[in-house]
Amino acid sequence: MTNYLNRKNEWEPSIVFHETEKGDNVSFGIDKDRRSSSAFIPEGDRVAKCLLRRMRSLLGNAQHENIEYPQLIKYTGGEHFRPHLDTIDGEKAYKFHPDYPKRPWNRLMTALVYLGDNCTGGETYFPRVTGVGAGADGTKFSRAANRSGLIVKPKKGNAVVWKNLLNDGSTDDRLMHAGLAVKSGEKLAMNLFTSYYFDSPMVGAKANST
């Protein structure tokens, strides 16, 4: 993975999923509300294989037929990501991964791993999650100025893991989050997403490891 962090030609501007007003066409593209660089680790990479095995072990008996390839994210001065959810419109999901089975699915779990914290700012902000108490570790967490929401500070080696869907498969809107602007320095992170297919139980079924 170090090779990807150090190779300039591996990084490209991060993209977002666009939808037309009529909803009849979708595409990927650069958006002013997401300013960062991304690089994907190929499935065959040894580190990627290790990470995917680790993610599956964390999920236990939760469904994890597919885990998306690890995505490296880099933010520098002023770059950020607007408030968003990691879930996908089920009718458009095939556009993200046409190699997946043609069955309705969505993102079940997100793991955000901090790889570098040589920066000021760059926190991950969950405005709808109950904030931490005054006794929380201030090197990892804090509260917004209005004392609501949860702010997670970049700390190398730490990870935040959350479930994007409720037990009925609908989106948990409380997990909306934003990558706050990096004021100086560089923030490095990695995303791992697991999928949930609606035609199988979310928990308890035999989990395939494709």
C-alpha atoms as a PDB file:
ATOM      1  CA  MET A   1       0.000   0.000   0.000  1.00  0.00           C
ATOM      2  CA  THR A   2       2.952   2.317   0.600  1.00  0.00           C
ATOM      3  CA  ASN A   3       3.554   2.264  -3.158  1.00  0.00           C
ATOM      4  CA  TYR A   4       0.150   3.827  -3.768  1.00  0.00           C
ATOM      5  CA  LEU A   5       0.640   6.474  -1.108  1.00  0.00           C
ATOM      6  CA  ASN A   6       3.921   7.585  -2.659  1.00  0.00           C
ATOM      7  CA  ARG A   7       3.118   7.402  -6.381  1.00  0.00           C
ATOM      8  CA  LYS A   8       1.718  10.674  -7.667  1.00  0.00           C
ATOM      9  CA  ASN A   9       0.273   9.054 -10.785  1.00  0.00           C
ATOM     10  CA  GLU A  10      -1.905   6.715  -8.687  1.00  0.00           C
ATOM     11  CA  TRP A  11      -3.950   9.621  -7.327  1.00  0.00           C
ATOM     12  CA  GLU A  12      -6.869  11.194  -9.162  1.00  0.00           C
ATOM     13  CA  PRO A  13      -9.461  13.813  -8.179  1.00  0.00           C
ATOM     14  CA  SER A  14     -12.185  12.173  -6.086  1.00  0.00           C
ATOM     15  CA  ILE A  15     -15.495  11.731  -7.874  1.00  0.00           C
ATOM     16  CA  VAL A  16     -19.127  11.616  -6.820  1.00  0.00           C
ATOM     17  CA  PHE A  17     -22.255   9.999  -8.217  1.00  0.00           C
ATOM     18  CA  HIS A  18     -24.356  12.390 -10.329  1.00  0.00           C
ATOM     19  CA  GLU A  19     -28.003  12.000 -11.292  1.00  0.00           C
ATOM     20  CA  THR A  20     -29.964  14.050 -13.812  1.00  0.00           C
ATOM     21  CA  GLU A  21     -33.103  15.930 -12.773  1.00  0.00           C
ATOM     22  CA  LYS A  22     -35.260  13.320 -14.493  1.00  0.00           C
ATOM     23  CA  GLY A  23     -33.357  10.502 -12.835  1.00  0.00           C
ATOM     24  CA  ASP A  24     -33.008   8.637 -16.109  1.00  0.00           C
ATOM     25  CA  ASN A  25     -29.236   8.836 -16.345  1.00  0.00           C
ATOM     26  CA  VAL A  26     -26.366   8.675 -13.891  1.00  0.00           C
ATOM     27  CA  SER A  27     -22.640   9.246 -14.127  1.00  0.00           C
ATOM     28  CA  PHE A  28     -19.503   9.795 -12.098  1.00  0.00           C
ATOM     29  CA  GLY A  29     -17.759  13.138 -12.025  1.00  0.00           C
ATOM     30  CA  ILE A  30     -15.863  15.783 -10.090  1.00  0.00           C
ATOM     31  CA  ASP A  31     -17.972  17.928  -7.775  1.00  0.00           C
ATOM     32  CA  LYS A  32     -17.095  21.164  -5.965  1.00  0.00           C
ATOM     33  CA  ASP A  33     -18.538  19.754  -2.742  1.00  0.00           C
ATOM     34  CA  ARG A  34     -15.984  16.947  -2.677  1.00  0.00           C
ATOM     35  CA  ARG A  35     -12.406  18.134  -2.863  1.00  0.00           C
ATOM     36  CA  SER A  36      -9.825  15.398  -2.343  1.00  0.00           C
ATOM     37  CA  SER A  37      -7.712  12.847  -4.214  1.00  0.00           C
ATOM     38  CA  SER A  38      -8.393   9.115  -4.394  1.00  0.00           C
ATOM     39  CA  ALA A  39      -6.555   5.931  -5.306  1.00  0.00           C
ATOM     40  CA  PHE A  40      -7.949   2.384  -5.390  1.00  0.00           C
ATOM     41  CA  ILE A  41      -5.909  -0.610  -4.280  1.00  0.00           C
ATOM     42  CA  PRO A  42      -6.374  -3.482  -6.767  1.00  0.00           C
ATOM     43  CA  GLU A  43      -8.081  -6.622  -5.517  1.00  0.00           C
ATOM     44  CA  GLY A  44      -4.971  -8.726  -6.154  1.00  0.00           C
ATOM     45  CA  ASP A  45      -2.760  -6.589  -3.910  1.00  0.00           C
ATOM     46  CA  ARG A  46      -1.547  -8.564  -0.862  1.00  0.00           C
ATOM     47  CA  VAL A  47      -2.334  -5.727   1.537  1.00  0.00           C
ATOM     48  CA  ALA A  48      -5.797  -5.361   0.032  1.00  0.00           C
ATOM     49  CA  LYS A  49      -6.478  -9.070   0.546  1.00  0.00           C
ATOM     50  CA  CYS A  50      -5.418  -8.801   4.174  1.00  0.00           C
ATOM     51  CA  LEU A  51      -7.648  -5.767   4.734  1.00  0.00           C
ATOM     52  CA  LEU A  52     -10.666  -7.466   3.193  1.00  0.00           C
ATOM     53  CA  ARG A  53     -10.149 -10.549   5.377  1.00  0.00           C
ATOM     54  CA  ARG A  54      -9.922  -8.326   8.440  1.00  0.00           C
ATOM     55  CA  MET A  55     -13.115  -6.506   7.506  1.00  0.00           C
ATOM     56  CA  ARG A  56     -14.964  -9.803   7.103  1.00  0.00           C
ATOM     57  CA  SER A  57     -13.743 -10.956  10.513  1.00  0.00           C
ATOM     58  CA  LEU A  58     -15.095  -7.772  12.103  1.00  0.00           C
ATOM     59  CA  LEU A  59     -18.525  -8.363  10.560  1.00  0.00           C
ATOM     60  CA  GLY A  60     -18.967 -11.797  12.096  1.00  0.00           C
ATOM     61  CA  ASN A  61     -22.299 -13.223  10.918  1.00  0.00           C
ATOM     62  CA  ALA A  62     -23.485 -10.002   9.260  1.00  0.00           C
ATOM     63  CA  GLN A  63     -23.911 -10.405   5.509  1.00  0.00           C
ATOM     64  CA  HIS A  64     -20.769  -9.543   3.544  1.00  0.00           C
ATOM     65  CA  GLU A  65     -20.953 -11.141   0.142  1.00  0.00           C
ATOM     66  CA  ASN A  66     -18.945  -8.293  -1.370  1.00  0.00           C
ATOM     67  CA  ILE A  67     -16.520  -5.747   0.038  1.00  0.00           C
ATOM     68  CA  GLU A  68     -15.503  -2.903  -2.231  1.00  0.00           C
ATOM     69  CA  TYR A  69     -11.848  -2.498  -3.094  1.00  0.00           C
ATOM     70  CA  PRO A  70     -10.016  -0.333  -0.534  1.00  0.00           C
ATOM     71  CA  GLN A  71     -10.161   3.337  -1.466  1.00  0.00           C
ATOM     72  CA  LEU A  72      -7.364   5.652  -0.336  1.00  0.00           C
ATOM     73  CA  ILE A  73      -8.323   9.283   0.267  1.00  0.00           C
ATOM     74  CA  LYS A  74      -6.011  12.270   0.568  1.00  0.00           C
ATOM     75  CA  TYR A  75      -6.993  15.771   1.713  1.00  0.00           C
ATOM     76  CA  THR A  76      -4.695  18.808   1.670  1.00  0.00           C
ATOM     77  CA  GLY A  77      -5.192  22.483   2.481  1.00  0.00           C
ATOM     78  CA  GLY A  78      -8.849  23.494   2.251  1.00  0.00           C
ATOM     79  CA  GLU A  79     -10.091  20.187   0.831  1.00  0.00           C
ATOM     80  CA  HIS A  80     -13.249  18.681   2.292  1.00  0.00           C
ATOM     81  CA  PHE A  81     -16.316  16.502   1.650  1.00  0.00           C
ATOM     82  CA  ARG A  82     -19.825  17.914   2.148  1.00  0.00           C
ATOM     83  CA  PRO A  83     -22.326  16.157   4.453  1.00  0.00           C
ATOM     84  CA  HIS A  84     -23.401  12.917   2.807  1.00  0.00           C
ATOM     85  CA  LEU A  85     -24.536   9.344   3.355  1.00  0.00           C
ATOM     86  CA  ASP A  86     -22.567   6.344   2.133  1.00  0.00           C
ATOM     87  CA  THR A  87     -25.685   4.524   0.954  1.00  0.00           C
ATOM     88  CA  ILE A  88     -26.617   4.232  -2.724  1.00  0.00           C
ATOM     89  CA  ASP A  89     -29.918   4.426  -4.551  1.00  0.00           C
ATOM     90  CA  GLY A  90     -30.761   0.746  -4.917  1.00  0.00           C
ATOM     91  CA  GLU A  91     -32.057   1.210  -8.458  1.00  0.00           C
ATOM     92  CA  LYS A  92     -28.753   2.780  -9.501  1.00  0.00           C
ATOM     93  CA  ALA A  93     -26.400   0.548  -7.526  1.00  0.00           C
ATOM     94  CA  TYR A  94     -25.425  -1.518 -10.561  1.00  0.00           C
ATOM     95  CA  LYS A  95     -23.763   1.598 -11.975  1.00  0.00           C
ATOM     96  CA  PHE A  96     -21.250   1.509  -9.131  1.00  0.00           C
ATOM     97  CA  HIS A  97     -20.223  -2.104  -9.548  1.00  0.00           C
ATOM     98  CA  PRO A  98     -21.496  -3.692 -12.770  1.00  0.00           C
ATOM     99  CA  ASP A  99     -19.488  -6.802 -11.844  1.00  0.00           C
ATOM    100  CA  TYR A 100     -21.725  -7.440  -8.821  1.00  0.00           C
ATOM    101  CA  PRO A 101     -24.694  -9.843  -9.108  1.00  0.00           C
ATOM    102  CA  LYS A 102     -27.772  -8.164 -10.609  1.00  0.00           C
ATOM    103  CA  ARG A 103     -29.644  -8.175  -7.305  1.00  0.00           C
ATOM    104  CA  PRO A 104     -30.789  -5.128  -5.282  1.00  0.00           C
ATOM    105  CA  TRP A 105     -28.093  -4.151  -2.781  1.00  0.00           C
ATOM    106  CA  ASN A 106     -26.778  -1.281  -0.729  1.00  0.00           C
ATOM    107  CA  ARG A 107     -23.800  -0.435   1.450  1.00  0.00           C
ATOM    108  CA  LEU A 108     -24.199  -1.997   4.878  1.00  0.00           C
ATOM    109  CA  MET A 109     -21.006  -1.086   6.724  1.00  0.00           C
ATOM    110  CA  THR A 110     -18.374   1.619   6.422  1.00  0.00           C
ATOM    111  CA  ALA A 111     -14.891   1.490   7.905  1.00  0.00           C
ATOM    112  CA  LEU A 112     -12.897   4.741   7.785  1.00  0.00           C
ATOM    113  CA  VAL A 113      -9.256   4.139   8.682  1.00  0.00           C
ATOM    114  CA  TYR A 114      -6.916   7.055   9.361  1.00  0.00           C
ATOM    115  CA  LEU A 115      -3.503   6.470   7.759  1.00  0.00           C
ATOM    116  CA  GLY A 116      -1.952   9.875   8.382  1.00  0.00           C
ATOM    117  CA  ASP A 117      -2.739  12.759  10.727  1.00  0.00           C
ATOM    118  CA  ASN A 118      -0.086  15.347   9.907  1.00  0.00           C
ATOM    119  CA  CYS A 119      -2.725  18.060   9.607  1.00  0.00           C
ATOM    120  CA  THR A 120      -4.912  20.526  11.421  1.00  0.00           C
ATOM    121  CA  GLY A 121      -8.635  20.247  10.785  1.00  0.00           C
ATOM    122  CA  GLY A 122      -9.891  17.373   8.655  1.00  0.00           C
ATOM    123  CA  GLU A 123     -12.180  15.933  11.303  1.00  0.00           C
ATOM    124  CA  THR A 124     -15.042  13.582  10.410  1.00  0.00           C
ATOM    125  CA  TYR A 125     -18.267  15.206  11.610  1.00  0.00           C
ATOM    126  CA  PHE A 126     -21.521  13.357  12.377  1.00  0.00           C
ATOM    127  CA  PRO A 127     -24.044  16.179  13.014  1.00  0.00           C
ATOM    128  CA  ARG A 128     -26.922  13.824  13.903  1.00  0.00           C
ATOM    129  CA  VAL A 129     -25.059  11.557  16.308  1.00  0.00           C
ATOM    130  CA  THR A 130     -25.154  12.275  20.037  1.00  0.00           C
ATOM    131  CA  GLY A 131     -21.969  14.075  21.027  1.00  0.00           C
ATOM    132  CA  VAL A 132     -19.412  12.716  23.458  1.00  0.00           C
ATOM    133  CA  GLY A 133     -19.285  13.682  27.111  1.00  0.00           C
ATOM    134  CA  ALA A 134     -16.854  16.118  28.654  1.00  0.00           C
ATOM    135  CA  GLY A 135     -14.675  13.258  29.873  1.00  0.00           C
ATOM    136  CA  ALA A 136     -14.017  11.797  26.408  1.00  0.00           C
ATOM    137  CA  ASP A 137     -10.477  11.484  25.053  1.00  0.00           C
ATOM    138  CA  GLY A 138      -9.917  14.914  23.547  1.00  0.00           C
ATOM    139  CA  THR A 139      -7.213  13.641  21.220  1.00  0.00           C
ATOM    140  CA  LYS A 140      -9.819  11.530  19.406  1.00  0.00           C
ATOM    141  CA  PHE A 141     -13.225  13.153  19.875  1.00  0.00           C
ATOM    142  CA  SER A 142     -14.853  16.509  20.425  1.00  0.00           C
ATOM    143  CA  ARG A 143     -18.190  18.266  20.095  1.00  0.00           C
ATOM    144  CA  ALA A 144     -19.272  20.973  17.686  1.00  0.00           C
ATOM    145  CA  ALA A 145     -19.523  24.555  18.898  1.00  0.00           C
ATOM    146  CA  ASN A 146     -23.281  24.135  19.368  1.00  0.00           C
ATOM    147  CA  ARG A 147     -22.536  21.083  21.582  1.00  0.00           C
ATOM    148  CA  SER A 148     -24.355  18.731  19.216  1.00  0.00           C
ATOM    149  CA  GLY A 149     -23.010  16.055  16.920  1.00  0.00           C
ATOM    150  CA  LEU A 150     -19.850  13.986  17.101  1.00  0.00           C
ATOM    151  CA  ILE A 151     -16.469  15.104  15.762  1.00  0.00           C
ATOM    152  CA  VAL A 152     -13.829  12.423  15.211  1.00  0.00           C
ATOM    153  CA  LYS A 153     -10.285  13.715  14.896  1.00  0.00           C
ATOM    154  CA  PRO A 154      -7.824  12.138  12.442  1.00  0.00           C
ATOM    155  CA  LYS A 155      -5.447   9.936  14.411  1.00  0.00           C
ATOM    156  CA  LYS A 156      -3.101   7.599  12.571  1.00  0.00           C
ATOM    157  CA  GLY A 157      -3.933   3.960  13.222  1.00  0.00           C
ATOM    158  CA  ASN A 158      -7.479   4.611  14.443  1.00  0.00           C
ATOM    159  CA  ALA A 159     -10.636   3.596  12.601  1.00  0.00           C
ATOM    160  CA  VAL A 160     -14.328   4.459  12.770  1.00  0.00           C
ATOM    161  CA  VAL A 161     -16.806   1.730  11.810  1.00  0.00           C
ATOM    162  CA  TRP A 162     -20.545   2.274  11.403  1.00  0.00           C
ATOM    163  CA  LYS A 163     -23.644   0.584  10.017  1.00  0.00           C
ATOM    164  CA  ASN A 164     -25.383   2.544   7.233  1.00  0.00           C
ATOM    165  CA  LEU A 165     -28.649   0.580   7.193  1.00  0.00           C
ATOM    166  CA  LEU A 166     -31.368  -0.177   9.697  1.00  0.00           C
ATOM    167  CA  ASN A 167     -32.420  -3.780  10.235  1.00  0.00           C
ATOM    168  CA  ASP A 168     -35.197  -3.451   7.643  1.00  0.00           C
ATOM    169  CA  GLY A 169     -32.652  -2.406   4.991  1.00  0.00           C
ATOM    170  CA  SER A 170     -33.608   1.270   4.938  1.00  0.00           C
ATOM    171  CA  THR A 171     -30.999   4.016   5.258  1.00  0.00           C
ATOM    172  CA  ASP A 172     -30.084   5.198   8.748  1.00  0.00           C
ATOM    173  CA  ASP A 173     -30.118   8.962   8.184  1.00  0.00           C
ATOM    174  CA  ARG A 174     -28.380   9.560  11.506  1.00  0.00           C
ATOM    175  CA  LEU A 175     -25.125   8.456   9.878  1.00  0.00           C
ATOM    176  CA  MET A 176     -24.861  11.489   7.622  1.00  0.00           C
ATOM    177  CA  HIS A 177     -21.297  12.743   7.938  1.00  0.00           C
ATOM    178  CA  ALA A 178     -18.827  15.213   6.484  1.00  0.00           C
ATOM    179  CA  GLY A 179     -15.085  15.484   6.062  1.00  0.00           C
ATOM    180  CA  LEU A 180     -14.294  18.921   7.482  1.00  0.00           C
ATOM    181  CA  ALA A 181     -11.761  21.064   5.665  1.00  0.00           C
ATOM    182  CA  VAL A 182      -8.078  20.434   6.240  1.00  0.00           C
ATOM    183  CA  LYS A 183      -6.626  23.744   7.369  1.00  0.00           C
ATOM    184  CA  SER A 184      -2.989  22.777   6.876  1.00  0.00           C
ATOM    185  CA  GLY A 185      -0.907  19.684   6.256  1.00  0.00           C
ATOM    186  CA  GLU A 186      -2.180  16.416   4.814  1.00  0.00           C
ATOM    187  CA  LYS A 187      -4.822  13.921   5.937  1.00  0.00           C
ATOM    188  CA  LEU A 188      -4.654  10.340   4.652  1.00  0.00           C
ATOM    189  CA  ALA A 189      -7.468   7.837   5.121  1.00  0.00           C
ATOM    190  CA  MET A 190      -8.906   4.660   3.653  1.00  0.00           C
ATOM    191  CA  ASN A 191     -12.521   3.629   3.022  1.00  0.00           C
ATOM    192  CA  LEU A 192     -13.858   0.076   3.148  1.00  0.00           C
ATOM    193  CA  PHE A 193     -17.511  -0.582   2.263  1.00  0.00           C
ATOM    194  CA  THR A 194     -19.445  -3.843   2.552  1.00  0.00           C
ATOM    195  CA  SER A 195     -22.591  -4.684   0.626  1.00  0.00           C
ATOM    196  CA  TYR A 196     -25.982  -6.021   1.701  1.00  0.00           C
ATOM    197  CA  TYR A 197     -28.234  -7.907  -0.736  1.00  0.00           C
ATOM    198  CA  PHE A 198     -31.899  -7.440   0.107  1.00  0.00           C
ATOM    199  CA  ASP A 199     -32.903 -10.965  -0.907  1.00  0.00           C
ATOM    200  CA  SER A 200     -30.872 -12.544   1.918  1.00  0.00           C
ATOM    201  CA  PRO A 201     -30.964 -12.038   5.704  1.00  0.00           C
ATOM    202  CA  MET A 202     -28.859  -9.163   6.986  1.00  0.00           C
ATOM    203  CA  VAL A 203     -27.645 -11.177   9.955  1.00  0.00           C
ATOM    204  CA  GLY A 204     -27.430 -14.898  10.566  1.00  0.00           C
ATOM    205  CA  ALA A 205     -27.190 -16.247   7.016  1.00  0.00           C
ATOM    206  CA  LYS A 206     -24.064 -17.949   5.788  1.00  0.00           C
ATOM    207  CA  ALA A 207     -21.804 -15.136   4.621  1.00  0.00           C
ATOM    208  CA  ASN A 208     -20.080 -15.710   1.312  1.00  0.00           C
ATOM    209  CA  SER A 209     -16.614 -14.284   0.800  1.00  0.00           C
ATOM    210  CA  THR A 210     -16.419 -13.516  -2.901  1.00  0.00           C
END
